[in-house]
Amino acid sequence: AEIRLGGLDPSSSTSPTQATKSSCEDCIEKRDLDRVVKQRMGEIRGCFQRASQQDPNLAGEVVVRFQVSASGAIGSATIKRSSLQNSVVEACIREQFLKMVFPRPPGNKPIQASYPVVFAPSR
């Protein structure tokens, strides 16, 4: 299975053009998000591969919306949208996001973010 990580879709009023230097007050750097998500890619891939054994044509995008607490732990995670139409895979991915720990957000305030993961069938 081919899995592509999307970029960050931050729920933040700070746009990259307004950010000073390389940091922002109410978001986490995209590279930090990517690094943490990639650490769990094996497990996320496993969620998809188990389901694709029953449905070889399974493909689509899952966007996870999550809150990073002041400590960096995930406070909540939900499936914002999904074109997979597979609740088992979606629940499995959500569980993997709940296990992630990110760097502490700037200002020690919880932040919201969305992260897309795209699944394509192996050829």
PDB file of N, CA and C in Angstrom:
ATOM      1  N   ALA A   1       0.835  -1.181   0.000  1.00  0.00           N
ATOM      2  CA  ALA A   1       0.000   0.000   0.000  1.00  0.00           C
ATOM      3  C   ALA A   1       0.877   1.241   0.000  1.00  0.00           C
ATOM      4  N   GLU A   2       0.471   2.201  -0.741  1.00  0.00           N
ATOM      5  CA  GLU A   2       1.190   3.482  -0.761  1.00  0.00           C
ATOM      6  C   GLU A   2       0.473   4.433   0.175  1.00  0.00           C
ATOM      7  N   ILE A   3       1.232   5.063   1.070  1.00  0.00           N
ATOM      8  CA  ILE A   3       0.649   6.015   2.011  1.00  0.00           C
ATOM      9  C   ILE A   3       1.395   7.328   1.864  1.00  0.00           C
ATOM     10  N   ARG A   4       0.648   8.389   1.692  1.00  0.00           N
ATOM     11  CA  ARG A   4       1.230   9.719   1.579  1.00  0.00           C
ATOM     12  C   ARG A   4       0.765  10.553   2.748  1.00  0.00           C
ATOM     13  N   LEU A   5       1.695  11.202   3.381  1.00  0.00           N
ATOM     14  CA  LEU A   5       1.343  12.120   4.457  1.00  0.00           C
ATOM     15  C   LEU A   5       1.085  13.475   3.844  1.00  0.00           C
ATOM     16  N   GLY A   6      -0.004  14.077   4.248  1.00  0.00           N
ATOM     17  CA  GLY A   6      -0.284  15.428   3.769  1.00  0.00           C
ATOM     18  C   GLY A   6       0.452  16.421   4.610  1.00  0.00           C
ATOM     19  N   GLY A   7       0.280  17.665   4.280  1.00  0.00           N
ATOM     20  CA  GLY A   7       0.886  18.713   5.084  1.00  0.00           C
ATOM     21  C   GLY A   7       0.006  19.045   6.265  1.00  0.00           C
ATOM     22  N   LEU A   8       0.315  20.093   6.889  1.00  0.00           N
ATOM     23  CA  LEU A   8      -0.446  20.548   8.047  1.00  0.00           C
ATOM     24  C   LEU A   8      -1.579  21.454   7.597  1.00  0.00           C
ATOM     25  N   ASP A   9      -2.728  21.239   8.170  1.00  0.00           N
ATOM     26  CA  ASP A   9      -3.856  22.141   7.954  1.00  0.00           C
ATOM     27  C   ASP A   9      -4.156  22.755   9.314  1.00  0.00           C
ATOM     28  N   PRO A  10      -3.345  23.728   9.740  1.00  0.00           N
ATOM     29  CA  PRO A  10      -3.506  24.208  11.117  1.00  0.00           C
ATOM     30  C   PRO A  10      -4.794  25.001  11.294  1.00  0.00           C
ATOM     31  N   SER A  11      -5.378  24.840  12.438  1.00  0.00           N
ATOM     32  CA  SER A  11      -6.537  25.657  12.791  1.00  0.00           C
ATOM     33  C   SER A  11      -5.998  26.838  13.572  1.00  0.00           C
ATOM     34  N   SER A  12      -5.425  27.745  12.865  1.00  0.00           N
ATOM     35  CA  SER A  12      -4.726  28.837  13.508  1.00  0.00           C
ATOM     36  C   SER A  12      -4.950  30.116  12.718  1.00  0.00           C
ATOM     37  N   SER A  13      -4.999  31.215  13.413  1.00  0.00           N
ATOM     38  CA  SER A  13      -5.178  32.486  12.735  1.00  0.00           C
ATOM     39  C   SER A  13      -3.850  33.003  12.185  1.00  0.00           C
ATOM     40  N   THR A  14      -2.757  32.354  12.549  1.00  0.00           N
ATOM     41  CA  THR A  14      -1.445  32.792  12.096  1.00  0.00           C
ATOM     42  C   THR A  14      -1.115  32.113  10.780  1.00  0.00           C
ATOM     43  N   SER A  15      -0.966  32.878   9.724  1.00  0.00           N
ATOM     44  CA  SER A  15      -0.584  32.294   8.449  1.00  0.00           C
ATOM     45  C   SER A  15       0.938  32.286   8.367  1.00  0.00           C
ATOM     46  N   PRO A  16       1.506  31.419   7.523  1.00  0.00           N
ATOM     47  CA  PRO A  16       2.976  31.357   7.432  1.00  0.00           C
ATOM     48  C   PRO A  16       3.603  32.704   7.080  1.00  0.00           C
ATOM     49  N   THR A  17       2.911  33.520   6.316  1.00  0.00           N
ATOM     50  CA  THR A  17       3.492  34.809   5.935  1.00  0.00           C
ATOM     51  C   THR A  17       3.531  35.774   7.118  1.00  0.00           C
ATOM     52  N   GLN A  18       2.670  35.544   8.115  1.00  0.00           N
ATOM     53  CA  GLN A  18       2.661  36.431   9.280  1.00  0.00           C
ATOM     54  C   GLN A  18       3.610  35.956  10.376  1.00  0.00           C
ATOM     55  N   ALA A  19       4.047  34.701  10.280  1.00  0.00           N
ATOM     56  CA  ALA A  19       4.901  34.145  11.334  1.00  0.00           C
ATOM     57  C   ALA A  19       6.260  34.828  11.316  1.00  0.00           C
ATOM     58  N   THR A  20       6.790  35.073  12.494  1.00  0.00           N
ATOM     59  CA  THR A  20       8.115  35.651  12.575  1.00  0.00           C
ATOM     60  C   THR A  20       9.110  34.523  12.785  1.00  0.00           C
ATOM     61  N   LYS A  21      10.268  34.634  12.159  1.00  0.00           N
ATOM     62  CA  LYS A  21      11.297  33.601  12.195  1.00  0.00           C
ATOM     63  C   LYS A  21      10.675  32.275  11.776  1.00  0.00           C
ATOM     64  N   SER A  22      10.954  31.189  12.527  1.00  0.00           N
ATOM     65  CA  SER A  22      10.430  29.890  12.105  1.00  0.00           C
ATOM     66  C   SER A  22       9.385  29.364  13.087  1.00  0.00           C
ATOM     67  N   SER A  23       8.972  30.205  14.014  1.00  0.00           N
ATOM     68  CA  SER A  23       8.015  29.718  15.001  1.00  0.00           C
ATOM     69  C   SER A  23       6.762  30.580  14.989  1.00  0.00           C
ATOM     70  N   CYS A  24       5.725  30.064  15.627  1.00  0.00           N
ATOM     71  CA  CYS A  24       4.497  30.828  15.744  1.00  0.00           C
ATOM     72  C   CYS A  24       3.924  30.570  17.122  1.00  0.00           C
ATOM     73  N   GLU A  25       3.066  31.443  17.566  1.00  0.00           N
ATOM     74  CA  GLU A  25       2.575  31.375  18.938  1.00  0.00           C
ATOM     75  C   GLU A  25       1.517  30.312  19.171  1.00  0.00           C
ATOM     76  N   ASP A  26       0.723  29.997  18.152  1.00  0.00           N
ATOM     77  CA  ASP A  26      -0.398  29.088  18.410  1.00  0.00           C
ATOM     78  C   ASP A  26      -0.427  27.925  17.421  1.00  0.00           C
ATOM     79  N   CYS A  27       0.746  27.435  17.073  1.00  0.00           N
ATOM     80  CA  CYS A  27       0.798  26.263  16.203  1.00  0.00           C
ATOM     81  C   CYS A  27       2.080  25.485  16.476  1.00  0.00           C
ATOM     82  N   ILE A  28       2.167  24.320  15.865  1.00  0.00           N
ATOM     83  CA  ILE A  28       3.369  23.502  15.942  1.00  0.00           C
ATOM     84  C   ILE A  28       3.965  23.482  14.544  1.00  0.00           C
ATOM     85  N   GLU A  29       5.271  23.553  14.459  1.00  0.00           N
ATOM     86  CA  GLU A  29       5.932  23.556  13.154  1.00  0.00           C
ATOM     87  C   GLU A  29       5.565  22.299  12.366  1.00  0.00           C
ATOM     88  N   LYS A  30       5.362  22.457  11.061  1.00  0.00           N
ATOM     89  CA  LYS A  30       4.985  21.342  10.195  1.00  0.00           C
ATOM     90  C   LYS A  30       6.006  20.214  10.287  1.00  0.00           C
ATOM     91  N   ARG A  31       7.297  20.545  10.333  1.00  0.00           N
ATOM     92  CA  ARG A  31       8.312  19.484  10.384  1.00  0.00           C
ATOM     93  C   ARG A  31       8.189  18.663  11.666  1.00  0.00           C
ATOM     94  N   ASP A  32       7.784  19.317  12.770  1.00  0.00           N
ATOM     95  CA  ASP A  32       7.606  18.573  14.016  1.00  0.00           C
ATOM     96  C   ASP A  32       6.386  17.655  13.930  1.00  0.00           C
ATOM     97  N   LEU A  33       5.302  18.157  13.313  1.00  0.00           N
ATOM     98  CA  LEU A  33       4.121  17.309  13.109  1.00  0.00           C
ATOM     99  C   LEU A  33       4.484  16.102  12.253  1.00  0.00           C
ATOM    100  N   ASP A  34       5.148  16.353  11.127  1.00  0.00           N
ATOM    101  CA  ASP A  34       5.523  15.257  10.226  1.00  0.00           C
ATOM    102  C   ASP A  34       6.393  14.236  10.941  1.00  0.00           C
ATOM    103  N   ARG A  35       7.358  14.710  11.726  1.00  0.00           N
ATOM    104  CA  ARG A  35       8.286  13.799  12.413  1.00  0.00           C
ATOM    105  C   ARG A  35       7.543  12.885  13.374  1.00  0.00           C
ATOM    106  N   VAL A  36       6.624  13.443  14.157  1.00  0.00           N
ATOM    107  CA  VAL A  36       5.889  12.643  15.143  1.00  0.00           C
ATOM    108  C   VAL A  36       4.950  11.653  14.440  1.00  0.00           C
ATOM    109  N   VAL A  37       4.241  12.125  13.411  1.00  0.00           N
ATOM    110  CA  VAL A  37       3.323  11.231  12.696  1.00  0.00           C
ATOM    111  C   VAL A  37       4.108  10.106  12.030  1.00  0.00           C
ATOM    112  N   LYS A  38       5.261  10.402  11.451  1.00  0.00           N
ATOM    113  CA  LYS A  38       6.064   9.368  10.776  1.00  0.00           C
ATOM    114  C   LYS A  38       6.523   8.291  11.756  1.00  0.00           C
ATOM    115  N   GLN A  39       6.709   8.649  13.010  1.00  0.00           N
ATOM    116  CA  GLN A  39       7.112   7.654  14.011  1.00  0.00           C
ATOM    117  C   GLN A  39       6.043   6.580  14.188  1.00  0.00           C
ATOM    118  N   ARG A  40       4.785   6.890  13.873  1.00  0.00           N
ATOM    119  CA  ARG A  40       3.698   5.920  14.013  1.00  0.00           C
ATOM    120  C   ARG A  40       3.196   5.428  12.662  1.00  0.00           C
ATOM    121  N   MET A  41       3.946   5.730  11.585  1.00  0.00           N
ATOM    122  CA  MET A  41       3.494   5.342  10.255  1.00  0.00           C
ATOM    123  C   MET A  41       3.353   3.834  10.108  1.00  0.00           C
ATOM    124  N   GLY A  42       4.209   3.065  10.737  1.00  0.00           N
ATOM    125  CA  GLY A  42       4.096   1.605  10.648  1.00  0.00           C
ATOM    126  C   GLY A  42       2.756   1.131  11.175  1.00  0.00           C
ATOM    127  N   GLU A  43       2.342   1.672  12.303  1.00  0.00           N
ATOM    128  CA  GLU A  43       1.058   1.289  12.896  1.00  0.00           C
ATOM    129  C   GLU A  43      -0.108   1.793  12.049  1.00  0.00           C
ATOM    130  N   ILE A  44       0.008   3.022  11.535  1.00  0.00           N
ATOM    131  CA  ILE A  44      -1.055   3.574  10.684  1.00  0.00           C
ATOM    132  C   ILE A  44      -1.175   2.749   9.407  1.00  0.00           C
ATOM    133  N   ARG A  45      -0.033   2.373   8.829  1.00  0.00           N
ATOM    134  CA  ARG A  45      -0.031   1.523   7.636  1.00  0.00           C
ATOM    135  C   ARG A  45      -0.695   0.186   7.947  1.00  0.00           C
ATOM    136  N   GLY A  46      -0.421  -0.343   9.133  1.00  0.00           N
ATOM    137  CA  GLY A  46      -1.028  -1.618   9.541  1.00  0.00           C
ATOM    138  C   GLY A  46      -2.545  -1.531   9.596  1.00  0.00           C
ATOM    139  N   CYS A  47      -3.082  -0.404  10.073  1.00  0.00           N
ATOM    140  CA  CYS A  47      -4.538  -0.198  10.103  1.00  0.00           C
ATOM    141  C   CYS A  47      -5.113  -0.400   8.703  1.00  0.00           C
ATOM    142  N   PHE A  48      -4.454   0.215   7.728  1.00  0.00           N
ATOM    143  CA  PHE A  48      -4.925   0.169   6.347  1.00  0.00           C
ATOM    144  C   PHE A  48      -4.716  -1.211   5.727  1.00  0.00           C
ATOM    145  N   GLN A  49      -3.549  -1.807   5.948  1.00  0.00           N
ATOM    146  CA  GLN A  49      -3.225  -3.076   5.295  1.00  0.00           C
ATOM    147  C   GLN A  49      -4.145  -4.208   5.753  1.00  0.00           C
ATOM    148  N   ARG A  50      -4.505  -4.221   7.032  1.00  0.00           N
ATOM    149  CA  ARG A  50      -5.426  -5.269   7.514  1.00  0.00           C
ATOM    150  C   ARG A  50      -6.764  -5.182   6.778  1.00  0.00           C
ATOM    151  N   ALA A  51      -7.269  -3.974   6.586  1.00  0.00           N
ATOM    152  CA  ALA A  51      -8.556  -3.798   5.907  1.00  0.00           C
ATOM    153  C   ALA A  51      -8.426  -4.046   4.409  1.00  0.00           C
ATOM    154  N   SER A  52      -7.277  -3.711   3.823  1.00  0.00           N
ATOM    155  CA  SER A  52      -7.126  -3.870   2.378  1.00  0.00           C
ATOM    156  C   SER A  52      -7.007  -5.341   1.973  1.00  0.00           C
ATOM    157  N   GLN A  53      -6.770  -6.219   2.940  1.00  0.00           N
ATOM    158  CA  GLN A  53      -6.778  -7.655   2.627  1.00  0.00           C
ATOM    159  C   GLN A  53      -8.194  -8.104   2.269  1.00  0.00           C
ATOM    160  N   GLN A  54      -9.194  -7.523   2.907  1.00  0.00           N
ATOM    161  CA  GLN A  54     -10.587  -7.833   2.579  1.00  0.00           C
ATOM    162  C   GLN A  54     -11.075  -7.015   1.376  1.00  0.00           C
ATOM    163  N   ASP A  55     -10.526  -5.827   1.214  1.00  0.00           N
ATOM    164  CA  ASP A  55     -10.963  -4.939   0.128  1.00  0.00           C
ATOM    165  C   ASP A  55      -9.726  -4.385  -0.575  1.00  0.00           C
ATOM    166  N   PRO A  56      -9.218  -5.116  -1.606  1.00  0.00           N
ATOM    167  CA  PRO A  56      -7.982  -4.702  -2.280  1.00  0.00           C
ATOM    168  C   PRO A  56      -8.065  -3.334  -2.949  1.00  0.00           C
ATOM    169  N   ASN A  57      -9.254  -2.845  -3.223  1.00  0.00           N
ATOM    170  CA  ASN A  57      -9.409  -1.544  -3.869  1.00  0.00           C
ATOM    171  C   ASN A  57      -9.554  -0.400  -2.874  1.00  0.00           C
ATOM    172  N   LEU A  58      -9.417  -0.694  -1.590  1.00  0.00           N
ATOM    173  CA  LEU A  58      -9.561   0.330  -0.563  1.00  0.00           C
ATOM    174  C   LEU A  58      -8.548   1.452  -0.799  1.00  0.00           C
ATOM    175  N   ALA A  59      -9.028   2.666  -0.841  1.00  0.00           N
ATOM    176  CA  ALA A  59      -8.163   3.829  -1.054  1.00  0.00           C
ATOM    177  C   ALA A  59      -8.923   5.068  -0.600  1.00  0.00           C
ATOM    178  N   GLY A  60      -8.199   6.121  -0.315  1.00  0.00           N
ATOM    179  CA  GLY A  60      -8.843   7.377   0.048  1.00  0.00           C
ATOM    180  C   GLY A  60      -7.987   8.194   0.997  1.00  0.00           C
ATOM    181  N   GLU A  61      -8.584   9.277   1.464  1.00  0.00           N
ATOM    182  CA  GLU A  61      -7.895  10.198   2.363  1.00  0.00           C
ATOM    183  C   GLU A  61      -8.642  10.266   3.690  1.00  0.00           C
ATOM    184  N   VAL A  62      -7.880  10.248   4.764  1.00  0.00           N
ATOM    185  CA  VAL A  62      -8.445  10.421   6.099  1.00  0.00           C
ATOM    186  C   VAL A  62      -7.797  11.668   6.695  1.00  0.00           C
ATOM    187  N   VAL A  63      -8.621  12.605   7.154  1.00  0.00           N
ATOM    188  CA  VAL A  63      -8.107  13.816   7.801  1.00  0.00           C
ATOM    189  C   VAL A  63      -8.449  13.722   9.283  1.00  0.00           C
ATOM    190  N   VAL A  64      -7.406  13.712  10.099  1.00  0.00           N
ATOM    191  CA  VAL A  64      -7.573  13.615  11.544  1.00  0.00           C
ATOM    192  C   VAL A  64      -7.439  15.010  12.147  1.00  0.00           C
ATOM    193  N   ARG A  65      -8.421  15.400  12.946  1.00  0.00           N
ATOM    194  CA  ARG A  65      -8.353  16.667  13.683  1.00  0.00           C
ATOM    195  C   ARG A  65      -8.020  16.302  15.126  1.00  0.00           C
ATOM    196  N   PHE A  66      -7.030  16.978  15.670  1.00  0.00           N
ATOM    197  CA  PHE A  66      -6.606  16.636  17.024  1.00  0.00           C
ATOM    198  C   PHE A  66      -6.185  17.877  17.797  1.00  0.00           C
ATOM    199  N   GLN A  67      -6.194  17.721  19.107  1.00  0.00           N
ATOM    200  CA  GLN A  67      -5.759  18.799  19.990  1.00  0.00           C
ATOM    201  C   GLN A  67      -4.490  18.351  20.696  1.00  0.00           C
ATOM    202  N   VAL A  68      -3.482  19.190  20.636  1.00  0.00           N
ATOM    203  CA  VAL A  68      -2.241  18.946  21.364  1.00  0.00           C
ATOM    204  C   VAL A  68      -2.320  19.751  22.654  1.00  0.00           C
ATOM    205  N   SER A  69      -2.216  19.064  23.784  1.00  0.00           N
ATOM    206  CA  SER A  69      -2.307  19.751  25.073  1.00  0.00           C
ATOM    207  C   SER A  69      -1.018  20.514  25.354  1.00  0.00           C
ATOM    208  N   ALA A  70      -1.020  21.306  26.404  1.00  0.00           N
ATOM    209  CA  ALA A  70       0.152  22.104  26.772  1.00  0.00           C
ATOM    210  C   ALA A  70       1.381  21.228  27.024  1.00  0.00           C
ATOM    211  N   SER A  71       1.164  19.968  27.424  1.00  0.00           N
ATOM    212  CA  SER A  71       2.292  19.064  27.687  1.00  0.00           C
ATOM    213  C   SER A  71       2.816  18.406  26.420  1.00  0.00           C
ATOM    214  N   GLY A  72       2.068  18.524  25.315  1.00  0.00           N
ATOM    215  CA  GLY A  72       2.456  17.873  24.070  1.00  0.00           C
ATOM    216  C   GLY A  72       1.674  16.592  23.801  1.00  0.00           C
ATOM    217  N   ALA A  73       0.972  16.086  24.820  1.00  0.00           N
ATOM    218  CA  ALA A  73       0.153  14.887  24.633  1.00  0.00           C
ATOM    219  C   ALA A  73      -1.102  15.245  23.839  1.00  0.00           C
ATOM    220  N   ILE A  74      -1.699  14.258  23.198  1.00  0.00           N
ATOM    221  CA  ILE A  74      -2.929  14.484  22.446  1.00  0.00           C
ATOM    222  C   ILE A  74      -4.103  14.475  23.420  1.00  0.00           C
ATOM    223  N   GLY A  75      -4.841  15.578  23.441  1.00  0.00           N
ATOM    224  CA  GLY A  75      -6.002  15.681  24.321  1.00  0.00           C
ATOM    225  C   GLY A  75      -7.230  15.035  23.710  1.00  0.00           C
ATOM    226  N   SER A  76      -7.367  15.158  22.381  1.00  0.00           N
ATOM    227  CA  SER A  76      -8.499  14.546  21.687  1.00  0.00           C
ATOM    228  C   SER A  76      -8.130  14.383  20.227  1.00  0.00           C
ATOM    229  N   ALA A  77      -8.786  13.434  19.575  1.00  0.00           N
ATOM    230  CA  ALA A  77      -8.578  13.219  18.137  1.00  0.00           C
ATOM    231  C   ALA A  77      -9.891  12.724  17.550  1.00  0.00           C
ATOM    232  N   THR A  78     -10.262  13.290  16.420  1.00  0.00           N
ATOM    233  CA  THR A  78     -11.475  12.867  15.725  1.00  0.00           C
ATOM    234  C   THR A  78     -11.173  12.779  14.235  1.00  0.00           C
ATOM    235  N   ILE A  79     -11.983  12.018  13.534  1.00  0.00           N
ATOM    236  CA  ILE A  79     -11.871  11.965  12.085  1.00  0.00           C
ATOM    237  C   ILE A  79     -12.662  13.154  11.534  1.00  0.00           C
ATOM    238  N   LYS A  80     -11.956  14.122  10.979  1.00  0.00           N
ATOM    239  CA  LYS A  80     -12.599  15.330  10.457  1.00  0.00           C
ATOM    240  C   LYS A  80     -13.361  15.001   9.171  1.00  0.00           C
ATOM    241  N   ARG A  81     -12.696  14.235   8.285  1.00  0.00           N
ATOM    242  CA  ARG A  81     -13.385  13.742   7.091  1.00  0.00           C
ATOM    243  C   ARG A  81     -12.610  12.550   6.554  1.00  0.00           C
ATOM    244  N   SER A  82     -13.320  11.727   5.802  1.00  0.00           N
ATOM    245  CA  SER A  82     -12.690  10.535   5.255  1.00  0.00           C
ATOM    246  C   SER A  82     -13.398  10.122   3.979  1.00  0.00           C
ATOM    247  N   SER A  83     -12.606   9.761   2.975  1.00  0.00           N
ATOM    248  CA  SER A  83     -13.175   9.188   1.748  1.00  0.00           C
ATOM    249  C   SER A  83     -12.945   7.683   1.700  1.00  0.00           C
ATOM    250  N   LEU A  84     -12.377   7.115   2.769  1.00  0.00           N
ATOM    251  CA  LEU A  84     -12.158   5.662   2.825  1.00  0.00           C
ATOM    252  C   LEU A  84     -13.459   4.886   2.959  1.00  0.00           C
ATOM    253  N   GLN A  85     -14.406   5.451   3.685  1.00  0.00           N
ATOM    254  CA  GLN A  85     -15.668   4.762   3.969  1.00  0.00           C
ATOM    255  C   GLN A  85     -15.416   3.428   4.676  1.00  0.00           C
ATOM    256  N   ASN A  86     -14.491   3.460   5.648  1.00  0.00           N
ATOM    257  CA  ASN A  86     -14.180   2.251   6.409  1.00  0.00           C
ATOM    258  C   ASN A  86     -13.980   2.661   7.868  1.00  0.00           C
ATOM    259  N   SER A  87     -15.021   2.457   8.676  1.00  0.00           N
ATOM    260  CA  SER A  87     -14.986   2.934  10.058  1.00  0.00           C
ATOM    261  C   SER A  87     -13.947   2.204  10.902  1.00  0.00           C
ATOM    262  N   VAL A  88     -13.618   0.959  10.553  1.00  0.00           N
ATOM    263  CA  VAL A  88     -12.614   0.212  11.315  1.00  0.00           C
ATOM    264  C   VAL A  88     -11.231   0.850  11.133  1.00  0.00           C
ATOM    265  N   VAL A  89     -10.882   1.157   9.891  1.00  0.00           N
ATOM    266  CA  VAL A  89      -9.592   1.798   9.617  1.00  0.00           C
ATOM    267  C   VAL A  89      -9.558   3.190  10.251  1.00  0.00           C
ATOM    268  N   GLU A  90     -10.644   3.932  10.122  1.00  0.00           N
ATOM    269  CA  GLU A  90     -10.696   5.280  10.689  1.00  0.00           C
ATOM    270  C   GLU A  90     -10.512   5.246  12.202  1.00  0.00           C
ATOM    271  N   ALA A  91     -11.165   4.306  12.880  1.00  0.00           N
ATOM    272  CA  ALA A  91     -11.026   4.200  14.341  1.00  0.00           C
ATOM    273  C   ALA A  91      -9.601   3.814  14.721  1.00  0.00           C
ATOM    274  N   CYS A  92      -8.994   2.933  13.937  1.00  0.00           N
ATOM    275  CA  CYS A  92      -7.620   2.496  14.191  1.00  0.00           C
ATOM    276  C   CYS A  92      -6.648   3.667  14.045  1.00  0.00           C
ATOM    277  N   ILE A  93      -6.831   4.468  12.998  1.00  0.00           N
ATOM    278  CA  ILE A  93      -5.964   5.636  12.783  1.00  0.00           C
ATOM    279  C   ILE A  93      -6.137   6.632  13.926  1.00  0.00           C
ATOM    280  N   ARG A  94      -7.373   6.857  14.333  1.00  0.00           N
ATOM    281  CA  ARG A  94      -7.642   7.768  15.449  1.00  0.00           C
ATOM    282  C   ARG A  94      -6.903   7.300  16.707  1.00  0.00           C
ATOM    283  N   GLU A  95      -6.942   5.989  16.968  1.00  0.00           N
ATOM    284  CA  GLU A  95      -6.239   5.434  18.141  1.00  0.00           C
ATOM    285  C   GLU A  95      -4.735   5.702  18.052  1.00  0.00           C
ATOM    286  N   GLN A  96      -4.170   5.591  16.863  1.00  0.00           N
ATOM    287  CA  GLN A  96      -2.737   5.849  16.708  1.00  0.00           C
ATOM    288  C   GLN A  96      -2.412   7.315  16.985  1.00  0.00           C
ATOM    289  N   PHE A  97      -3.267   8.217  16.544  1.00  0.00           N
ATOM    290  CA  PHE A  97      -3.030   9.644  16.822  1.00  0.00           C
ATOM    291  C   PHE A  97      -3.108   9.916  18.323  1.00  0.00           C
ATOM    292  N   LEU A  98      -4.012   9.241  19.018  1.00  0.00           N
ATOM    293  CA  LEU A  98      -4.142   9.458  20.467  1.00  0.00           C
ATOM    294  C   LEU A  98      -2.884   9.044  21.229  1.00  0.00           C
ATOM    295  N   LYS A  99      -2.046   8.202  20.640  1.00  0.00           N
ATOM    296  CA  LYS A  99      -0.823   7.736  21.297  1.00  0.00           C
ATOM    297  C   LYS A  99       0.373   8.646  21.036  1.00  0.00           C
ATOM    298  N   MET A 100       0.206   9.627  20.157  1.00  0.00           N
ATOM    299  CA  MET A 100       1.331  10.494  19.787  1.00  0.00           C
ATOM    300  C   MET A 100       1.621  11.527  20.872  1.00  0.00           C
ATOM    301  N   VAL A 101       2.879  11.925  20.930  1.00  0.00           N
ATOM    302  CA  VAL A 101       3.291  13.008  21.826  1.00  0.00           C
ATOM    303  C   VAL A 101       4.115  13.985  20.998  1.00  0.00           C
ATOM    304  N   PHE A 102       3.695  15.233  20.995  1.00  0.00           N
ATOM    305  CA  PHE A 102       4.346  16.273  20.213  1.00  0.00           C
ATOM    306  C   PHE A 102       5.186  17.160  21.121  1.00  0.00           C
ATOM    307  N   PRO A 103       6.068  17.974  20.525  1.00  0.00           N
ATOM    308  CA  PRO A 103       6.766  18.972  21.343  1.00  0.00           C
ATOM    309  C   PRO A 103       5.740  19.895  22.006  1.00  0.00           C
ATOM    310  N   ARG A 104       6.095  20.432  23.154  1.00  0.00           N
ATOM    311  CA  ARG A 104       5.183  21.361  23.839  1.00  0.00           C
ATOM    312  C   ARG A 104       4.881  22.535  22.925  1.00  0.00           C
ATOM    313  N   PRO A 105       3.604  22.899  22.781  1.00  0.00           N
ATOM    314  CA  PRO A 105       3.271  24.050  21.929  1.00  0.00           C
ATOM    315  C   PRO A 105       3.852  25.345  22.499  1.00  0.00           C
ATOM    316  N   PRO A 106       4.219  26.271  21.618  1.00  0.00           N
ATOM    317  CA  PRO A 106       4.699  27.575  22.099  1.00  0.00           C
ATOM    318  C   PRO A 106       3.634  28.231  22.974  1.00  0.00           C
ATOM    319  N   GLY A 107       4.070  28.867  24.035  1.00  0.00           N
ATOM    320  CA  GLY A 107       3.138  29.542  24.923  1.00  0.00           C
ATOM    321  C   GLY A 107       2.435  28.582  25.870  1.00  0.00           C
ATOM    322  N   ASN A 108       2.777  27.277  25.796  1.00  0.00           N
ATOM    323  CA  ASN A 108       2.161  26.251  26.659  1.00  0.00           C
ATOM    324  C   ASN A 108       0.647  26.314  26.636  1.00  0.00           C
ATOM    325  N   LYS A 109       0.073  26.552  25.444  1.00  0.00           N
ATOM    326  CA  LYS A 109      -1.381  26.569  25.293  1.00  0.00           C
ATOM    327  C   LYS A 109      -1.783  25.445  24.360  1.00  0.00           C
ATOM    328  N   PRO A 110      -2.912  24.770  24.621  1.00  0.00           N
ATOM    329  CA  PRO A 110      -3.363  23.718  23.711  1.00  0.00           C
ATOM    330  C   PRO A 110      -3.624  24.295  22.318  1.00  0.00           C
ATOM    331  N   ILE A 111      -3.334  23.512  21.303  1.00  0.00           N
ATOM    332  CA  ILE A 111      -3.610  23.937  19.931  1.00  0.00           C
ATOM    333  C   ILE A 111      -4.389  22.851  19.202  1.00  0.00           C
ATOM    334  N   GLN A 112      -5.113  23.259  18.172  1.00  0.00           N
ATOM    335  CA  GLN A 112      -5.852  22.341  17.310  1.00  0.00           C
ATOM    336  C   GLN A 112      -5.108  22.236  15.983  1.00  0.00           C
ATOM    337  N   ALA A 113      -5.091  21.040  15.402  1.00  0.00           N
ATOM    338  CA  ALA A 113      -4.490  20.862  14.085  1.00  0.00           C
ATOM    339  C   ALA A 113      -5.241  19.760  13.354  1.00  0.00           C
ATOM    340  N   SER A 114      -5.113  19.754  12.040  1.00  0.00           N
ATOM    341  CA  SER A 114      -5.664  18.683  11.216  1.00  0.00           C
ATOM    342  C   SER A 114      -4.533  18.115  10.384  1.00  0.00           C
ATOM    343  N   TYR A 115      -4.583  16.803  10.162  1.00  0.00           N
ATOM    344  CA  TYR A 115      -3.499  16.148   9.433  1.00  0.00           C
ATOM    345  C   TYR A 115      -4.082  15.125   8.467  1.00  0.00           C
ATOM    346  N   PRO A 116      -3.814  15.273   7.156  1.00  0.00           N
ATOM    347  CA  PRO A 116      -4.345  14.315   6.183  1.00  0.00           C
ATOM    348  C   PRO A 116      -3.380  13.172   5.920  1.00  0.00           C
ATOM    349  N   VAL A 117      -3.918  11.972   5.772  1.00  0.00           N
ATOM    350  CA  VAL A 117      -3.151  10.795   5.380  1.00  0.00           C
ATOM    351  C   VAL A 117      -3.877  10.185   4.191  1.00  0.00           C
ATOM    352  N   VAL A 118      -3.145   9.967   3.095  1.00  0.00           N
ATOM    353  CA  VAL A 118      -3.748   9.447   1.863  1.00  0.00           C
ATOM    354  C   VAL A 118      -3.286   8.014   1.646  1.00  0.00           C
ATOM    355  N   PHE A 119      -4.246   7.124   1.395  1.00  0.00           N
ATOM    356  CA  PHE A 119      -3.977   5.715   1.167  1.00  0.00           C
ATOM    357  C   PHE A 119      -4.301   5.375  -0.283  1.00  0.00           C
ATOM    358  N   ALA A 120      -3.378   4.688  -0.942  1.00  0.00           N
ATOM    359  CA  ALA A 120      -3.632   4.228  -2.316  1.00  0.00           C
ATOM    360  C   ALA A 120      -3.391   2.722  -2.352  1.00  0.00           C
ATOM    361  N   PRO A 121      -4.176   1.965  -3.149  1.00  0.00           N
ATOM    362  CA  PRO A 121      -3.974   0.518  -3.223  1.00  0.00           C
ATOM    363  C   PRO A 121      -2.622   0.204  -3.840  1.00  0.00           C
ATOM    364  N   SER A 122      -1.975  -0.883  -3.385  1.00  0.00           N
ATOM    365  CA  SER A 122      -0.721  -1.271  -3.984  1.00  0.00           C
ATOM    366  C   SER A 122      -0.996  -1.891  -5.343  1.00  0.00           C
ATOM    367  N   ARG A 123      -0.131  -1.652  -6.269  1.00  0.00           N
ATOM    368  CA  ARG A 123      -0.323  -2.144  -7.634  1.00  0.00           C
ATOM    369  C   ARG A 123       0.609  -3.295  -7.895  1.00  0.00           C
TER     370      ARG A 123
END
